Amino acid sequence: MTVAEVNVVAQAFHDGVANRDVAGLASLYHEDGRFLPPNMEPCEGRAAIRAAMEGLLDMGVRSLDIEPIDVREAGDVTIEYGRYTLGIEPEGADAVRDVGKYVVVHETQPDGSTKIVLDIFNSNAPAG
């Protein structure tokens, strides 16, 4: 998977959040993918990932910018490390901008496409 292909996936995340497209976001993941958001239980499988994405959007996530920093290929697997900026506008509260880091593992599928098999991210802000 090239850096350009990783950037296409990053743009798909940005657009999916902006358009509140939970089906589109979930489709980026492998059927058995794992999504490991902070302060939530791990989500295993596309249906659970879709539900988590819907929950995040419902709690006020409105924007997501992803900046891949390091992309490494190893056979059918691509490991991506980067930074994110998440815009959250909770109902009845002040908007929040969260900046953090992530690791995503992509796997090439038999048809040549790629799907996310593992996605973990966390904030740079101190806990509290």
Protein backbone atom coordinates (compact mmCIF):
# COMPACT_ATOMS: atom_id res chain seq x y z
CA MET A 1 0.00 0.00 0.00
CA THR A 2 1.54 3.30 -1.06
CA VAL A 3 1.51 6.56 0.87
CA ALA A 4 -0.93 7.88 -1.74
CA GLU A 5 -3.30 4.96 -1.03
CA VAL A 6 -3.03 5.59 2.71
CA ASN A 7 -3.90 9.24 2.06
CA VAL A 8 -7.02 8.12 0.15
CA VAL A 9 -8.16 6.18 3.23
CA ALA A 10 -7.38 9.21 5.45
CA GLN A 11 -9.54 11.36 3.17
CA ALA A 12 -12.33 8.75 3.32
CA PHE A 13 -12.27 9.04 7.14
CA HIS A 14 -12.41 12.84 6.92
CA ASP A 15 -15.32 12.72 4.47
CA GLY A 16 -17.16 9.97 6.36
CA VAL A 17 -17.13 11.98 9.58
CA ALA A 18 -18.05 15.23 7.81
CA ASN A 19 -20.97 13.51 6.06
CA ARG A 20 -21.96 11.42 9.11
CA ASP A 21 -21.64 8.31 6.94
CA VAL A 22 -21.33 5.45 9.44
CA ALA A 23 -21.77 2.81 6.73
CA GLY A 24 -18.94 4.35 4.72
CA LEU A 25 -16.69 4.54 7.77
CA ALA A 26 -17.40 0.93 8.75
CA SER A 27 -16.75 -0.24 5.18
CA LEU A 28 -13.10 0.82 5.54
CA TYR A 29 -12.62 -2.04 8.04
CA HIS A 30 -12.17 -5.76 7.46
CA GLU A 31 -15.18 -7.86 8.47
CA ASP A 32 -13.12 -9.08 11.45
CA GLY A 33 -11.39 -5.74 12.06
CA ARG A 34 -10.73 -4.31 15.50
CA PHE A 35 -11.34 -0.68 16.48
CA LEU A 36 -9.77 0.32 19.81
CA PRO A 37 -10.95 3.82 20.76
CA PRO A 38 -9.89 5.38 24.07
CA ASN A 39 -12.18 4.99 27.06
CA MET A 40 -14.40 2.45 25.29
CA GLU A 41 -14.49 -1.31 25.07
CA PRO A 42 -12.72 -2.80 22.03
CA CYS A 43 -14.99 -3.16 19.00
CA GLU A 44 -14.52 -6.39 17.09
CA GLY A 45 -16.17 -6.90 13.72
CA ARG A 46 -17.67 -4.47 11.26
CA ALA A 47 -21.10 -4.36 12.95
CA ALA A 48 -19.57 -3.38 16.30
CA ILE A 49 -17.31 -0.84 14.58
CA ARG A 50 -20.30 0.67 12.82
CA ALA A 51 -22.16 0.96 16.14
CA ALA A 52 -19.13 2.62 17.76
CA MET A 53 -18.79 5.09 14.88
CA GLU A 54 -22.48 5.94 15.18
CA GLY A 55 -22.04 6.48 18.92
CA LEU A 56 -19.06 8.78 18.38
CA LEU A 57 -20.95 10.84 15.82
CA ASP A 58 -23.99 10.98 18.12
CA MET A 59 -21.87 12.32 20.98
CA GLY A 60 -20.74 15.23 18.82
CA VAL A 61 -17.79 14.20 16.66
CA ARG A 62 -18.02 16.56 13.67
CA SER A 63 -14.60 16.59 12.01
CA LEU A 64 -11.53 14.42 11.67
CA ASP A 65 -8.24 15.31 10.04
CA ILE A 66 -5.65 12.56 9.70
CA GLU A 67 -1.97 13.09 8.94
CA PRO A 68 -0.06 9.89 8.14
CA ILE A 69 3.55 10.33 9.29
CA ASP A 70 5.14 6.92 8.74
CA VAL A 71 3.90 4.18 6.41
CA ARG A 72 5.64 0.80 6.30
CA GLU A 73 4.83 -2.21 4.17
CA ALA A 74 5.46 -5.82 5.13
CA GLY A 75 4.02 -8.19 2.55
CA ASP A 76 0.21 -7.94 2.60
CA VAL A 77 0.25 -5.67 5.66
CA THR A 78 0.78 -1.92 5.84
CA ILE A 79 1.39 -0.22 9.18
CA GLU A 80 0.50 3.44 9.41
CA TYR A 81 1.44 5.81 12.24
CA GLY A 82 0.19 9.36 12.35
CA ARG A 83 -1.50 12.31 14.02
CA TYR A 84 -5.14 13.21 14.15
CA THR A 85 -7.22 16.26 15.00
CA LEU A 86 -10.76 15.52 16.11
CA GLY A 87 -13.44 18.20 16.32
CA ILE A 88 -16.16 17.47 18.87
CA GLU A 89 -19.27 19.61 19.36
CA PRO A 90 -21.24 18.03 22.21
CA GLU A 91 -24.83 19.18 22.50
CA GLY A 92 -25.13 21.86 25.18
CA ALA A 93 -21.37 22.12 25.77
CA ASP A 94 -18.37 23.95 24.35
CA ALA A 95 -16.66 22.58 21.25
CA VAL A 96 -13.50 20.57 21.87
CA ARG A 97 -10.50 20.01 19.62
CA ASP A 98 -8.58 16.83 20.45
CA VAL A 99 -5.13 16.16 18.99
CA GLY A 100 -3.53 12.76 19.29
CA LYS A 101 -1.73 9.87 17.63
CA TYR A 102 -2.81 6.61 16.04
CA VAL A 103 -1.64 3.32 14.59
CA VAL A 104 -3.62 1.61 11.83
CA VAL A 105 -2.85 -1.75 10.26
CA HIS A 106 -4.16 -2.29 6.73
CA GLU A 107 -4.30 -5.70 5.06
CA THR A 108 -4.44 -6.36 1.32
CA GLN A 109 -7.47 -8.45 0.40
CA PRO A 110 -7.60 -11.18 -2.27
CA ASP A 111 -9.28 -8.74 -4.70
CA GLY A 112 -6.37 -6.26 -4.29
CA SER A 113 -8.27 -3.80 -2.11
CA THR A 114 -7.17 -3.03 1.43
CA LYS A 115 -9.14 -3.07 4.66
CA ILE A 116 -8.25 -1.94 8.15
CA VAL A 117 -7.67 -4.87 10.51
CA LEU A 118 -6.55 -2.88 13.57
CA ASP A 119 -7.10 0.76 14.54
CA ILE A 120 -6.04 2.33 17.84
CA PHE A 121 -5.78 5.99 18.77
CA ASN A 122 -5.40 8.16 21.84
CA SER A 123 -5.20 11.79 22.82
CA ASN A 124 -2.08 13.79 23.54
CA ALA A 125 -4.01 15.60 26.31
CA PRO A 126 -3.28 14.54 29.87
CA ALA A 127 -5.93 12.36 31.52
CA GLY A 128 -8.14 14.07 33.95
